[in-house]
């Protein structure tokens, strides 16, 4: 969790990430666009998750794979659970990352 170049190599130049916390937890106010900006955002998030520990499970949502992350010890306004779903471009690079943090939207999912 700190390989910026490795992460950037997976991302499309114009990758976009959107977070949805329904106002309950810290989230982006607007979509974040661009390889470097998105990579930095997720590397910083990974560092916060490492501090308290987390569990990750791959689940199917609407027939597609997604990562369900559960923080063992969330701090401040961190969502205790988040669902990350990606979309790939024609070259196989990540063109979109959708992060759902709102508990009501994750209620039907099993624990990670």
PDB file of N, CA and C in Angstrom:
ATOM      1  N   UNK A   1       0.847  -1.190   0.000  1.00  0.00           N
ATOM      2  CA  UNK A   1       0.000   0.000   0.000  1.00  0.00           C
ATOM      3  C   UNK A   1       0.882   1.240   0.000  1.00  0.00           C
ATOM      4  N   UNK A   2       1.521   1.510  -1.091  1.00  0.00           N
ATOM      5  CA  UNK A   2       2.351   2.691  -1.182  1.00  0.00           C
ATOM      6  C   UNK A   2       3.038   2.770  -2.526  1.00  0.00           C
ATOM      7  N   UNK A   3       2.697   1.898  -3.441  1.00  0.00           N
ATOM      8  CA  UNK A   3       3.311   1.840  -4.758  1.00  0.00           C
ATOM      9  C   UNK A   3       2.542   2.737  -5.723  1.00  0.00           C
ATOM     10  N   UNK A   4       2.852   4.039  -5.687  1.00  0.00           N
ATOM     11  CA  UNK A   4       2.134   5.009  -6.517  1.00  0.00           C
ATOM     12  C   UNK A   4       2.291   4.693  -7.997  1.00  0.00           C
ATOM     13  N   UNK A   5       3.491   4.391  -8.436  1.00  0.00           N
ATOM     14  CA  UNK A   5       3.710   4.100  -9.864  1.00  0.00           C
ATOM     15  C   UNK A   5       2.965   2.843 -10.292  1.00  0.00           C
ATOM     16  N   UNK A   6       2.982   1.837  -9.445  1.00  0.00           N
ATOM     17  CA  UNK A   6       2.262   0.608  -9.759  1.00  0.00           C
ATOM     18  C   UNK A   6       0.770   0.844  -9.881  1.00  0.00           C
ATOM     19  N   UNK A   7       0.216   1.625  -8.957  1.00  0.00           N
ATOM     20  CA  UNK A   7      -1.202   1.938  -9.014  1.00  0.00           C
ATOM     21  C   UNK A   7      -1.521   2.783 -10.241  1.00  0.00           C
ATOM     22  N   UNK A   8      -0.722   3.796 -10.505  1.00  0.00           N
ATOM     23  CA  UNK A   8      -0.963   4.653 -11.666  1.00  0.00           C
ATOM     24  C   UNK A   8      -0.924   3.860 -12.966  1.00  0.00           C
ATOM     25  N   UNK A   9      -0.100   2.828 -13.040  1.00  0.00           N
ATOM     26  CA  UNK A   9      -0.016   2.008 -14.250  1.00  0.00           C
ATOM     27  C   UNK A   9      -1.321   1.266 -14.525  1.00  0.00           C
ATOM     28  N   UNK A  10      -2.114   1.037 -13.482  1.00  0.00           N
ATOM     29  CA  UNK A  10      -3.401   0.357 -13.646  1.00  0.00           C
ATOM     30  C   UNK A  10      -4.519   1.304 -14.067  1.00  0.00           C
ATOM     31  N   UNK A  11      -4.299   2.608 -13.901  1.00  0.00           N
ATOM     32  CA  UNK A  11      -5.346   3.601 -14.116  1.00  0.00           C
ATOM     33  C   UNK A  11      -5.267   4.235 -15.495  1.00  0.00           C
ATOM     34  N   UNK A  12      -6.434   4.467 -16.097  1.00  0.00           N
ATOM     35  CA  UNK A  12      -6.503   5.230 -17.340  1.00  0.00           C
ATOM     36  C   UNK A  12      -6.136   6.679 -17.030  1.00  0.00           C
ATOM     37  N   UNK A  13      -5.650   7.397 -18.011  1.00  0.00           N
ATOM     38  CA  UNK A  13      -5.240   8.798 -17.818  1.00  0.00           C
ATOM     39  C   UNK A  13      -6.381   9.640 -17.244  1.00  0.00           C
ATOM     40  N   UNK A  14      -7.601   9.419 -17.732  1.00  0.00           N
ATOM     41  CA  UNK A  14      -8.745  10.237 -17.302  1.00  0.00           C
ATOM     42  C   UNK A  14      -9.648   9.487 -16.323  1.00  0.00           C
ATOM     43  N   UNK A  15      -9.077   8.586 -15.525  1.00  0.00           N
ATOM     44  CA  UNK A  15      -9.859   7.833 -14.549  1.00  0.00           C
ATOM     45  C   UNK A  15     -10.646   8.794 -13.657  1.00  0.00           C
ATOM     46  N   UNK A  16     -11.828   8.338 -13.249  1.00  0.00           N
ATOM     47  CA  UNK A  16     -12.691   9.148 -12.382  1.00  0.00           C
ATOM     48  C   UNK A  16     -13.133   8.290 -11.212  1.00  0.00           C
ATOM     49  N   UNK A  17     -13.163   8.879 -10.024  1.00  0.00           N
ATOM     50  CA  UNK A  17     -13.707   8.173  -8.871  1.00  0.00           C
ATOM     51  C   UNK A  17     -14.820   9.005  -8.254  1.00  0.00           C
ATOM     52  N   UNK A  18     -15.840   8.292  -7.802  1.00  0.00           N
ATOM     53  CA  UNK A  18     -17.003   8.906  -7.164  1.00  0.00           C
ATOM     54  C   UNK A  18     -17.237   8.166  -5.858  1.00  0.00           C
ATOM     55  N   UNK A  19     -17.516   8.906  -4.783  1.00  0.00           N
ATOM     56  CA  UNK A  19     -17.837   8.279  -3.507  1.00  0.00           C
ATOM     57  C   UNK A  19     -19.245   8.691  -3.093  1.00  0.00           C
ATOM     58  N   UNK A  20     -19.947   7.764  -2.457  1.00  0.00           N
ATOM     59  CA  UNK A  20     -21.321   8.016  -2.025  1.00  0.00           C
ATOM     60  C   UNK A  20     -21.456   7.585  -0.575  1.00  0.00           C
ATOM     61  N   UNK A  21     -21.486   8.569   0.318  1.00  0.00           N
ATOM     62  CA  UNK A  21     -21.649   8.285   1.744  1.00  0.00           C
ATOM     63  C   UNK A  21     -22.998   8.768   2.264  1.00  0.00           C
ATOM     64  N   UNK A  22     -23.830   9.295   1.372  1.00  0.00           N
ATOM     65  CA  UNK A  22     -25.157   9.798   1.738  1.00  0.00           C
ATOM     66  C   UNK A  22     -25.084  10.801   2.891  1.00  0.00           C
ATOM     67  N   UNK A  23     -23.979  11.536   2.976  1.00  0.00           N
ATOM     68  CA  UNK A  23     -23.827  12.553   4.009  1.00  0.00           C
ATOM     69  C   UNK A  23     -23.495  12.018   5.390  1.00  0.00           C
ATOM     70  N   UNK A  24     -23.327  10.702   5.518  1.00  0.00           N
ATOM     71  CA  UNK A  24     -23.097  10.109   6.836  1.00  0.00           C
ATOM     72  C   UNK A  24     -21.623  10.027   7.227  1.00  0.00           C
ATOM     73  N   UNK A  25     -20.736   9.950   6.244  1.00  0.00           N
ATOM     74  CA  UNK A  25     -19.305   9.807   6.498  1.00  0.00           C
ATOM     75  C   UNK A  25     -18.528  10.718   5.567  1.00  0.00           C
ATOM     76  N   UNK A  26     -17.233  10.832   5.801  1.00  0.00           N
ATOM     77  CA  UNK A  26     -16.370  11.631   4.941  1.00  0.00           C
ATOM     78  C   UNK A  26     -16.355  11.026   3.543  1.00  0.00           C
ATOM     79  N   UNK A  27     -16.572  11.873   2.540  1.00  0.00           N
ATOM     80  CA  UNK A  27     -16.575  11.437   1.146  1.00  0.00           C
ATOM     81  C   UNK A  27     -16.200  12.626   0.274  1.00  0.00           C
ATOM     82  N   UNK A  28     -15.912  12.349  -0.977  1.00  0.00           N
ATOM     83  CA  UNK A  28     -15.607  13.423  -1.919  1.00  0.00           C
ATOM     84  C   UNK A  28     -16.850  14.258  -2.179  1.00  0.00           C
ATOM     85  N   UNK A  29     -16.678  15.565  -2.278  1.00  0.00           N
ATOM     86  CA  UNK A  29     -17.803  16.452  -2.579  1.00  0.00           C
ATOM     87  C   UNK A  29     -18.155  16.410  -4.061  1.00  0.00           C
ATOM     88  N   UNK A  30     -17.189  16.052  -4.890  1.00  0.00           N
ATOM     89  CA  UNK A  30     -17.382  15.985  -6.340  1.00  0.00           C
ATOM     90  C   UNK A  30     -16.482  14.877  -6.873  1.00  0.00           C
ATOM     91  N   UNK A  31     -16.769  14.380  -8.074  1.00  0.00           N
ATOM     92  CA  UNK A  31     -15.891  13.354  -8.650  1.00  0.00           C
ATOM     93  C   UNK A  31     -14.443  13.843  -8.716  1.00  0.00           C
ATOM     94  N   UNK A  32     -13.529  12.929  -8.521  1.00  0.00           N
ATOM     95  CA  UNK A  32     -12.100  13.210  -8.622  1.00  0.00           C
ATOM     96  C   UNK A  32     -11.627  12.609  -9.941  1.00  0.00           C
ATOM     97  N   UNK A  33     -10.945  13.412 -10.768  1.00  0.00           N
ATOM     98  CA  UNK A  33     -10.566  12.979 -12.110  1.00  0.00           C
ATOM     99  C   UNK A  33      -9.058  13.093 -12.301  1.00  0.00           C
ATOM    100  N   UNK A  34      -8.490  12.092 -12.958  1.00  0.00           N
ATOM    101  CA  UNK A  34      -7.076  12.116 -13.315  1.00  0.00           C
ATOM    102  C   UNK A  34      -6.282  11.047 -12.602  1.00  0.00           C
ATOM    103  N   UNK A  35      -5.376  10.433 -13.337  1.00  0.00           N
ATOM    104  CA  UNK A  35      -4.579   9.310 -12.837  1.00  0.00           C
ATOM    105  C   UNK A  35      -3.846   9.634 -11.534  1.00  0.00           C
ATOM    106  N   UNK A  36      -3.110  10.723 -11.499  1.00  0.00           N
ATOM    107  CA  UNK A  36      -2.311  11.051 -10.315  1.00  0.00           C
ATOM    108  C   UNK A  36      -3.197  11.377  -9.123  1.00  0.00           C
ATOM    109  N   UNK A  37      -4.240  12.168  -9.342  1.00  0.00           N
ATOM    110  CA  UNK A  37      -5.133  12.558  -8.240  1.00  0.00           C
ATOM    111  C   UNK A  37      -5.854  11.350  -7.649  1.00  0.00           C
ATOM    112  N   UNK A  38      -6.360  10.473  -8.509  1.00  0.00           N
ATOM    113  CA  UNK A  38      -7.083   9.292  -8.023  1.00  0.00           C
ATOM    114  C   UNK A  38      -6.123   8.346  -7.301  1.00  0.00           C
ATOM    115  N   UNK A  39      -4.934   8.155  -7.849  1.00  0.00           N
ATOM    116  CA  UNK A  39      -3.949   7.281  -7.195  1.00  0.00           C
ATOM    117  C   UNK A  39      -3.599   7.810  -5.808  1.00  0.00           C
ATOM    118  N   UNK A  40      -3.330   9.095  -5.697  1.00  0.00           N
ATOM    119  CA  UNK A  40      -2.994   9.681  -4.386  1.00  0.00           C
ATOM    120  C   UNK A  40      -4.130   9.511  -3.389  1.00  0.00           C
ATOM    121  N   UNK A  41      -5.357   9.712  -3.849  1.00  0.00           N
ATOM    122  CA  UNK A  41      -6.525   9.575  -2.984  1.00  0.00           C
ATOM    123  C   UNK A  41      -6.608   8.160  -2.407  1.00  0.00           C
ATOM    124  N   UNK A  42      -6.491   7.143  -3.264  1.00  0.00           N
ATOM    125  CA  UNK A  42      -6.627   5.769  -2.785  1.00  0.00           C
ATOM    126  C   UNK A  42      -5.407   5.292  -2.003  1.00  0.00           C
ATOM    127  N   UNK A  43      -4.232   5.800  -2.308  1.00  0.00           N
ATOM    128  CA  UNK A  43      -3.058   5.463  -1.495  1.00  0.00           C
ATOM    129  C   UNK A  43      -3.198   6.037  -0.087  1.00  0.00           C
ATOM    130  N   UNK A  44      -3.702   7.262   0.018  1.00  0.00           N
ATOM    131  CA  UNK A  44      -3.939   7.864   1.339  1.00  0.00           C
ATOM    132  C   UNK A  44      -4.997   7.073   2.100  1.00  0.00           C
ATOM    133  N   UNK A  45      -6.059   6.661   1.412  1.00  0.00           N
ATOM    134  CA  UNK A  45      -7.109   5.870   2.058  1.00  0.00           C
ATOM    135  C   UNK A  45      -6.548   4.539   2.550  1.00  0.00           C
ATOM    136  N   UNK A  46      -5.670   3.925   1.771  1.00  0.00           N
ATOM    137  CA  UNK A  46      -5.072   2.646   2.171  1.00  0.00           C
ATOM    138  C   UNK A  46      -4.225   2.805   3.428  1.00  0.00           C
ATOM    139  N   UNK A  47      -3.519   3.923   3.549  1.00  0.00           N
ATOM    140  CA  UNK A  47      -2.719   4.160   4.753  1.00  0.00           C
ATOM    141  C   UNK A  47      -3.600   4.260   5.984  1.00  0.00           C
ATOM    142  N   UNK A  48      -4.738   4.945   5.863  1.00  0.00           N
ATOM    143  CA  UNK A  48      -5.663   5.060   6.995  1.00  0.00           C
ATOM    144  C   UNK A  48      -6.230   3.696   7.360  1.00  0.00           C
ATOM    145  N   UNK A  49      -6.520   2.879   6.373  1.00  0.00           N
ATOM    146  CA  UNK A  49      -7.070   1.552   6.648  1.00  0.00           C
ATOM    147  C   UNK A  49      -6.044   0.657   7.330  1.00  0.00           C
ATOM    148  N   UNK A  50      -4.780   0.809   6.962  1.00  0.00           N
ATOM    149  CA  UNK A  50      -3.724  -0.012   7.551  1.00  0.00           C
ATOM    150  C   UNK A  50      -3.565   0.261   9.033  1.00  0.00           C
ATOM    151  N   UNK A  51      -3.758   1.500   9.446  1.00  0.00           N
ATOM    152  CA  UNK A  51      -3.556   1.869  10.849  1.00  0.00           C
ATOM    153  C   UNK A  51      -4.442   1.063  11.783  1.00  0.00           C
ATOM    154  N   UNK A  52      -5.709   0.917  11.448  1.00  0.00           N
ATOM    155  CA  UNK A  52      -6.631   0.206  12.324  1.00  0.00           C
ATOM    156  C   UNK A  52      -6.918  -1.207  11.878  1.00  0.00           C
ATOM    157  N   UNK A  53      -6.435  -1.579  10.715  1.00  0.00           N
ATOM    158  CA  UNK A  53      -6.697  -2.907  10.177  1.00  0.00           C
ATOM    159  C   UNK A  53      -8.018  -2.958   9.432  1.00  0.00           C
ATOM    160  N   UNK A  54      -8.095  -3.848   8.480  1.00  0.00           N
ATOM    161  CA  UNK A  54      -9.324  -4.005   7.705  1.00  0.00           C
ATOM    162  C   UNK A  54      -9.422  -5.424   7.177  1.00  0.00           C
ATOM    163  N   UNK A  55     -10.625  -5.797   6.812  1.00  0.00           N
ATOM    164  CA  UNK A  55     -10.896  -7.080   6.172  1.00  0.00           C
ATOM    165  C   UNK A  55     -11.526  -6.786   4.820  1.00  0.00           C
ATOM    166  N   UNK A  56     -11.135  -7.541   3.807  1.00  0.00           N
ATOM    167  CA  UNK A  56     -11.662  -7.333   2.461  1.00  0.00           C
ATOM    168  C   UNK A  56     -12.207  -8.649   1.928  1.00  0.00           C
ATOM    169  N   UNK A  57     -13.380  -8.575   1.318  1.00  0.00           N
ATOM    170  CA  UNK A  57     -13.989  -9.740   0.678  1.00  0.00           C
ATOM    171  C   UNK A  57     -14.404  -9.347  -0.732  1.00  0.00           C
ATOM    172  N   UNK A  58     -14.247 -10.261  -1.666  1.00  0.00           N
ATOM    173  CA  UNK A  58     -14.743 -10.032  -3.020  1.00  0.00           C
ATOM    174  C   UNK A  58     -16.168 -10.566  -3.054  1.00  0.00           C
ATOM    175  N   UNK A  59     -17.100  -9.708  -3.439  1.00  0.00           N
ATOM    176  CA  UNK A  59     -18.517 -10.061  -3.488  1.00  0.00           C
ATOM    177  C   UNK A  59     -19.057  -9.756  -4.882  1.00  0.00           C
ATOM    178  N   UNK A  60     -20.205 -10.307  -5.196  1.00  0.00           N
ATOM    179  CA  UNK A  60     -20.864  -9.996  -6.468  1.00  0.00           C
ATOM    180  C   UNK A  60     -22.007  -9.031  -6.188  1.00  0.00           C
ATOM    181  N   UNK A  61     -22.030  -7.955  -6.954  1.00  0.00           N
ATOM    182  CA  UNK A  61     -23.089  -6.953  -6.842  1.00  0.00           C
ATOM    183  C   UNK A  61     -23.631  -6.731  -8.246  1.00  0.00           C
ATOM    184  N   UNK A  62     -24.903  -6.981  -8.425  1.00  0.00           N
ATOM    185  CA  UNK A  62     -25.520  -6.894  -9.751  1.00  0.00           C
ATOM    186  C   UNK A  62     -24.760  -7.747 -10.763  1.00  0.00           C
ATOM    187  N   UNK A  63     -24.273  -8.902 -10.318  1.00  0.00           N
ATOM    188  CA  UNK A  63     -23.581  -9.837 -11.186  1.00  0.00           C
ATOM    189  C   UNK A  63     -22.127  -9.527 -11.456  1.00  0.00           C
ATOM    190  N   UNK A  64     -21.606  -8.448 -10.901  1.00  0.00           N
ATOM    191  CA  UNK A  64     -20.220  -8.045 -11.143  1.00  0.00           C
ATOM    192  C   UNK A  64     -19.413  -8.093  -9.848  1.00  0.00           C
ATOM    193  N   UNK A  65     -18.103  -8.366  -9.947  1.00  0.00           N
ATOM    194  CA  UNK A  65     -17.285  -8.412  -8.733  1.00  0.00           C
ATOM    195  C   UNK A  65     -17.029  -7.019  -8.160  1.00  0.00           C
ATOM    196  N   UNK A  66     -16.938  -6.971  -6.848  1.00  0.00           N
ATOM    197  CA  UNK A  66     -16.634  -5.723  -6.137  1.00  0.00           C
ATOM    198  C   UNK A  66     -15.895  -6.100  -4.857  1.00  0.00           C
ATOM    199  N   UNK A  67     -15.176  -5.146  -4.295  1.00  0.00           N
ATOM    200  CA  UNK A  67     -14.455  -5.373  -3.041  1.00  0.00           C
ATOM    201  C   UNK A  67     -15.241  -4.745  -1.895  1.00  0.00           C
ATOM    202  N   UNK A  68     -15.545  -5.539  -0.895  1.00  0.00           N
ATOM    203  CA  UNK A  68     -16.223  -5.056   0.303  1.00  0.00           C
ATOM    204  C   UNK A  68     -15.175  -4.961   1.407  1.00  0.00           C
ATOM    205  N   UNK A  69     -14.928  -3.742   1.875  1.00  0.00           N
ATOM    206  CA  UNK A  69     -13.890  -3.489   2.878  1.00  0.00           C
ATOM    207  C   UNK A  69     -14.562  -3.121   4.198  1.00  0.00           C
ATOM    208  N   UNK A  70     -14.168  -3.804   5.266  1.00  0.00           N
ATOM    209  CA  UNK A  70     -14.673  -3.506   6.605  1.00  0.00           C
ATOM    210  C   UNK A  70     -13.496  -3.079   7.472  1.00  0.00           C
ATOM    211  N   UNK A  71     -13.581  -1.879   8.032  1.00  0.00           N
ATOM    212  CA  UNK A  71     -12.528  -1.382   8.923  1.00  0.00           C
ATOM    213  C   UNK A  71     -12.726  -1.978  10.309  1.00  0.00           C
ATOM    214  N   UNK A  72     -11.655  -2.454  10.901  1.00  0.00           N
ATOM    215  CA  UNK A  72     -11.747  -3.021  12.254  1.00  0.00           C
ATOM    216  C   UNK A  72     -11.932  -1.936  13.301  1.00  0.00           C
ATOM    217  N   UNK A  73     -11.258  -0.805  13.115  1.00  0.00           N
ATOM    218  CA  UNK A  73     -11.357   0.303  14.068  1.00  0.00           C
ATOM    219  C   UNK A  73     -11.452   1.622  13.301  1.00  0.00           C
ATOM    220  N   UNK A  74     -12.626   1.938  12.772  1.00  0.00           N
ATOM    221  CA  UNK A  74     -12.743   3.212  12.053  1.00  0.00           C
ATOM    222  C   UNK A  74     -12.533   4.390  13.005  1.00  0.00           C
ATOM    223  N   UNK A  75     -11.967   5.453  12.477  1.00  0.00           N
ATOM    224  CA  UNK A  75     -11.735   6.656  13.277  1.00  0.00           C
ATOM    225  C   UNK A  75     -12.447   7.839  12.641  1.00  0.00           C
ATOM    226  N   UNK A  76     -12.688   8.833  13.470  1.00  0.00           N
ATOM    227  CA  UNK A  76     -13.343  10.064  13.039  1.00  0.00           C
ATOM    228  C   UNK A  76     -14.597   9.749  12.220  1.00  0.00           C
ATOM    229  N   UNK A  77     -14.658  10.285  11.021  1.00  0.00           N
ATOM    230  CA  UNK A  77     -15.850  10.091  10.187  1.00  0.00           C
ATOM    231  C   UNK A  77     -15.601   9.085   9.069  1.00  0.00           C
ATOM    232  N   UNK A  78     -14.781   8.063   9.343  1.00  0.00           N
ATOM    233  CA  UNK A  78     -14.555   7.001   8.366  1.00  0.00           C
ATOM    234  C   UNK A  78     -15.744   6.052   8.365  1.00  0.00           C
ATOM    235  N   UNK A  79     -16.168   5.672   7.180  1.00  0.00           N
ATOM    236  CA  UNK A  79     -17.229   4.673   7.072  1.00  0.00           C
ATOM    237  C   UNK A  79     -16.667   3.320   7.502  1.00  0.00           C
ATOM    238  N   UNK A  80     -17.383   2.583   8.343  1.00  0.00           N
ATOM    239  CA  UNK A  80     -16.874   1.283   8.777  1.00  0.00           C
ATOM    240  C   UNK A  80     -16.847   0.249   7.652  1.00  0.00           C
ATOM    241  N   UNK A  81     -17.710   0.424   6.655  1.00  0.00           N
ATOM    242  CA  UNK A  81     -17.752  -0.486   5.504  1.00  0.00           C
ATOM    243  C   UNK A  81     -17.781   0.333   4.224  1.00  0.00           C
ATOM    244  N   UNK A  82     -17.162  -0.204   3.185  1.00  0.00           N
ATOM    245  CA  UNK A  82     -17.231   0.441   1.875  1.00  0.00           C
ATOM    246  C   UNK A  82     -17.204  -0.630   0.797  1.00  0.00           C
ATOM    247  N   UNK A  83     -17.860  -0.335  -0.297  1.00  0.00           N
ATOM    248  CA  UNK A  83     -17.901  -1.230  -1.444  1.00  0.00           C
ATOM    249  C   UNK A  83     -17.236  -0.514  -2.604  1.00  0.00           C
ATOM    250  N   UNK A  84     -16.220  -1.138  -3.189  1.00  0.00           N
ATOM    251  CA  UNK A  84     -15.494  -0.548  -4.311  1.00  0.00           C
ATOM    252  C   UNK A  84     -15.758  -1.364  -5.566  1.00  0.00           C
ATOM    253  N   UNK A  85     -16.195  -0.670  -6.608  1.00  0.00           N
ATOM    254  CA  UNK A  85     -16.464  -1.307  -7.897  1.00  0.00           C
ATOM    255  C   UNK A  85     -15.701  -0.541  -8.960  1.00  0.00           C
ATOM    256  N   UNK A  86     -15.080  -1.257  -9.891  1.00  0.00           N
ATOM    257  CA  UNK A  86     -14.313  -0.588 -10.941  1.00  0.00           C
ATOM    258  C   UNK A  86     -14.893  -0.901 -12.310  1.00  0.00           C
ATOM    259  N   UNK A  87     -14.590  -0.016 -13.256  1.00  0.00           N
ATOM    260  CA  UNK A  87     -14.912  -0.230 -14.669  1.00  0.00           C
ATOM    261  C   UNK A  87     -13.613  -0.109 -15.445  1.00  0.00           C
ATOM    262  N   UNK A  88     -13.431  -0.984 -16.439  1.00  0.00           N
ATOM    263  CA  UNK A  88     -12.223  -0.979 -17.256  1.00  0.00           C
ATOM    264  C   UNK A  88     -12.491  -0.353 -18.616  1.00  0.00           C
ATOM    265  N   UNK A  89     -11.439   0.229 -19.211  1.00  0.00           N
ATOM    266  CA  UNK A  89     -11.554   0.750 -20.571  1.00  0.00           C
ATOM    267  C   UNK A  89     -11.148  -0.345 -21.563  1.00  0.00           C
ATOM    268  N   UNK A  90     -11.131  -0.019 -22.845  1.00  0.00           N
ATOM    269  CA  UNK A  90     -10.814  -0.996 -23.892  1.00  0.00           C
ATOM    270  C   UNK A  90      -9.396  -1.547 -23.771  1.00  0.00           C
ATOM    271  N   UNK A  91      -8.495  -0.805 -23.130  1.00  0.00           N
ATOM    272  CA  UNK A  91      -7.108  -1.248 -22.950  1.00  0.00           C
ATOM    273  C   UNK A  91      -6.901  -2.033 -21.656  1.00  0.00           C
ATOM    274  N   UNK A  92      -7.980  -2.234 -20.884  1.00  0.00           N
ATOM    275  CA  UNK A  92      -7.876  -2.972 -19.632  1.00  0.00           C
ATOM    276  C   UNK A  92      -7.440  -2.141 -18.444  1.00  0.00           C
ATOM    277  N   UNK A  93      -7.386  -0.818 -18.619  1.00  0.00           N
ATOM    278  CA  UNK A  93      -7.040   0.067 -17.505  1.00  0.00           C
ATOM    279  C   UNK A  93      -8.327   0.494 -16.788  1.00  0.00           C
ATOM    280  N   UNK A  94      -8.180   0.833 -15.524  1.00  0.00           N
ATOM    281  CA  UNK A  94      -9.333   1.261 -14.727  1.00  0.00           C
ATOM    282  C   UNK A  94      -9.735   2.666 -15.161  1.00  0.00           C
ATOM    283  N   UNK A  95     -10.980   2.805 -15.628  1.00  0.00           N
ATOM    284  CA  UNK A  95     -11.469   4.115 -16.074  1.00  0.00           C
ATOM    285  C   UNK A  95     -12.414   4.752 -15.061  1.00  0.00           C
ATOM    286  N   UNK A  96     -12.932   3.932 -14.130  1.00  0.00           N
ATOM    287  CA  UNK A  96     -13.842   4.468 -13.113  1.00  0.00           C
ATOM    288  C   UNK A  96     -13.762   3.616 -11.854  1.00  0.00           C
ATOM    289  N   UNK A  97     -13.820   4.297 -10.706  1.00  0.00           N
ATOM    290  CA  UNK A  97     -13.897   3.630  -9.404  1.00  0.00           C
ATOM    291  C   UNK A  97     -15.095   4.228  -8.684  1.00  0.00           C
ATOM    292  N   UNK A  98     -16.018   3.368  -8.298  1.00  0.00           N
ATOM    293  CA  UNK A  98     -17.199   3.802  -7.552  1.00  0.00           C
ATOM    294  C   UNK A  98     -17.073   3.257  -6.138  1.00  0.00           C
ATOM    295  N   UNK A  99     -17.138   4.135  -5.151  1.00  0.00           N
ATOM    296  CA  UNK A  99     -17.044   3.726  -3.751  1.00  0.00           C
ATOM    297  C   UNK A  99     -18.349   4.078  -3.049  1.00  0.00           C
ATOM    298  N   UNK A 100     -19.006   3.066  -2.525  1.00  0.00           N
ATOM    299  CA  UNK A 100     -20.255   3.269  -1.791  1.00  0.00           C
ATOM    300  C   UNK A 100     -19.947   3.086  -0.313  1.00  0.00           C
ATOM    301  N   UNK A 101     -20.255   4.115   0.469  1.00  0.00           N
ATOM    302  CA  UNK A 101     -19.949   4.120   1.898  1.00  0.00           C
ATOM    303  C   UNK A 101     -21.207   4.180   2.765  1.00  0.00           C
ATOM    304  N   UNK A 102     -22.345   4.520   2.174  1.00  0.00           N
ATOM    305  CA  UNK A 102     -23.589   4.717   2.918  1.00  0.00           C
ATOM    306  C   UNK A 102     -24.101   3.385   3.475  1.00  0.00           C
ATOM    307  N   UNK A 103     -24.249   3.276   4.798  1.00  0.00           N
ATOM    308  CA  UNK A 103     -24.679   2.019   5.412  1.00  0.00           C
ATOM    309  C   UNK A 103     -25.996   1.474   4.855  1.00  0.00           C
ATOM    310  N   UNK A 104     -26.949   2.335   4.598  1.00  0.00           N
ATOM    311  CA  UNK A 104     -28.242   1.858   4.081  1.00  0.00           C
ATOM    312  C   UNK A 104     -28.082   1.174   2.731  1.00  0.00           C
ATOM    313  N   UNK A 105     -27.130   1.646   1.934  1.00  0.00           N
ATOM    314  CA  UNK A 105     -26.919   1.064   0.606  1.00  0.00           C
ATOM    315  C   UNK A 105     -26.112  -0.230   0.673  1.00  0.00           C
ATOM    316  N   UNK A 106     -25.487  -0.492   1.817  1.00  0.00           N
ATOM    317  CA  UNK A 106     -24.680  -1.699   1.988  1.00  0.00           C
ATOM    318  C   UNK A 106     -25.357  -2.730   2.890  1.00  0.00           C
ATOM    319  N   UNK A 107     -26.531  -2.425   3.382  1.00  0.00           N
ATOM    320  CA  UNK A 107     -27.192  -3.266   4.387  1.00  0.00           C
ATOM    321  C   UNK A 107     -27.425  -4.698   3.919  1.00  0.00           C
ATOM    322  N   UNK A 108     -27.670  -4.918   2.643  1.00  0.00           N
ATOM    323  CA  UNK A 108     -27.974  -6.262   2.148  1.00  0.00           C
ATOM    324  C   UNK A 108     -26.733  -7.128   1.952  1.00  0.00           C
ATOM    325  N   UNK A 109     -25.553  -6.537   2.059  1.00  0.00           N
ATOM    326  CA  UNK A 109     -24.317  -7.293   1.836  1.00  0.00           C
ATOM    327  C   UNK A 109     -23.867  -8.001   3.107  1.00  0.00           C
ATOM    328  N   UNK A 110     -23.275  -9.194   2.958  1.00  0.00           N
ATOM    329  CA  UNK A 110     -22.772  -9.909   4.141  1.00  0.00           C
ATOM    330  C   UNK A 110     -21.539  -9.212   4.698  1.00  0.00           C
ATOM    331  N   UNK A 111     -21.168  -9.495   5.949  1.00  0.00           N
ATOM    332  CA  UNK A 111     -19.935  -8.916   6.491  1.00  0.00           C
ATOM    333  C   UNK A 111     -18.724  -9.399   5.701  1.00  0.00           C
ATOM    334  N   UNK A 112     -17.682  -8.573   5.641  1.00  0.00           N
ATOM    335  CA  UNK A 112     -16.446  -8.963   4.925  1.00  0.00           C
ATOM    336  C   UNK A 112     -15.698 -10.007   5.717  1.00  0.00           C
TER     337      UNK A 112
END
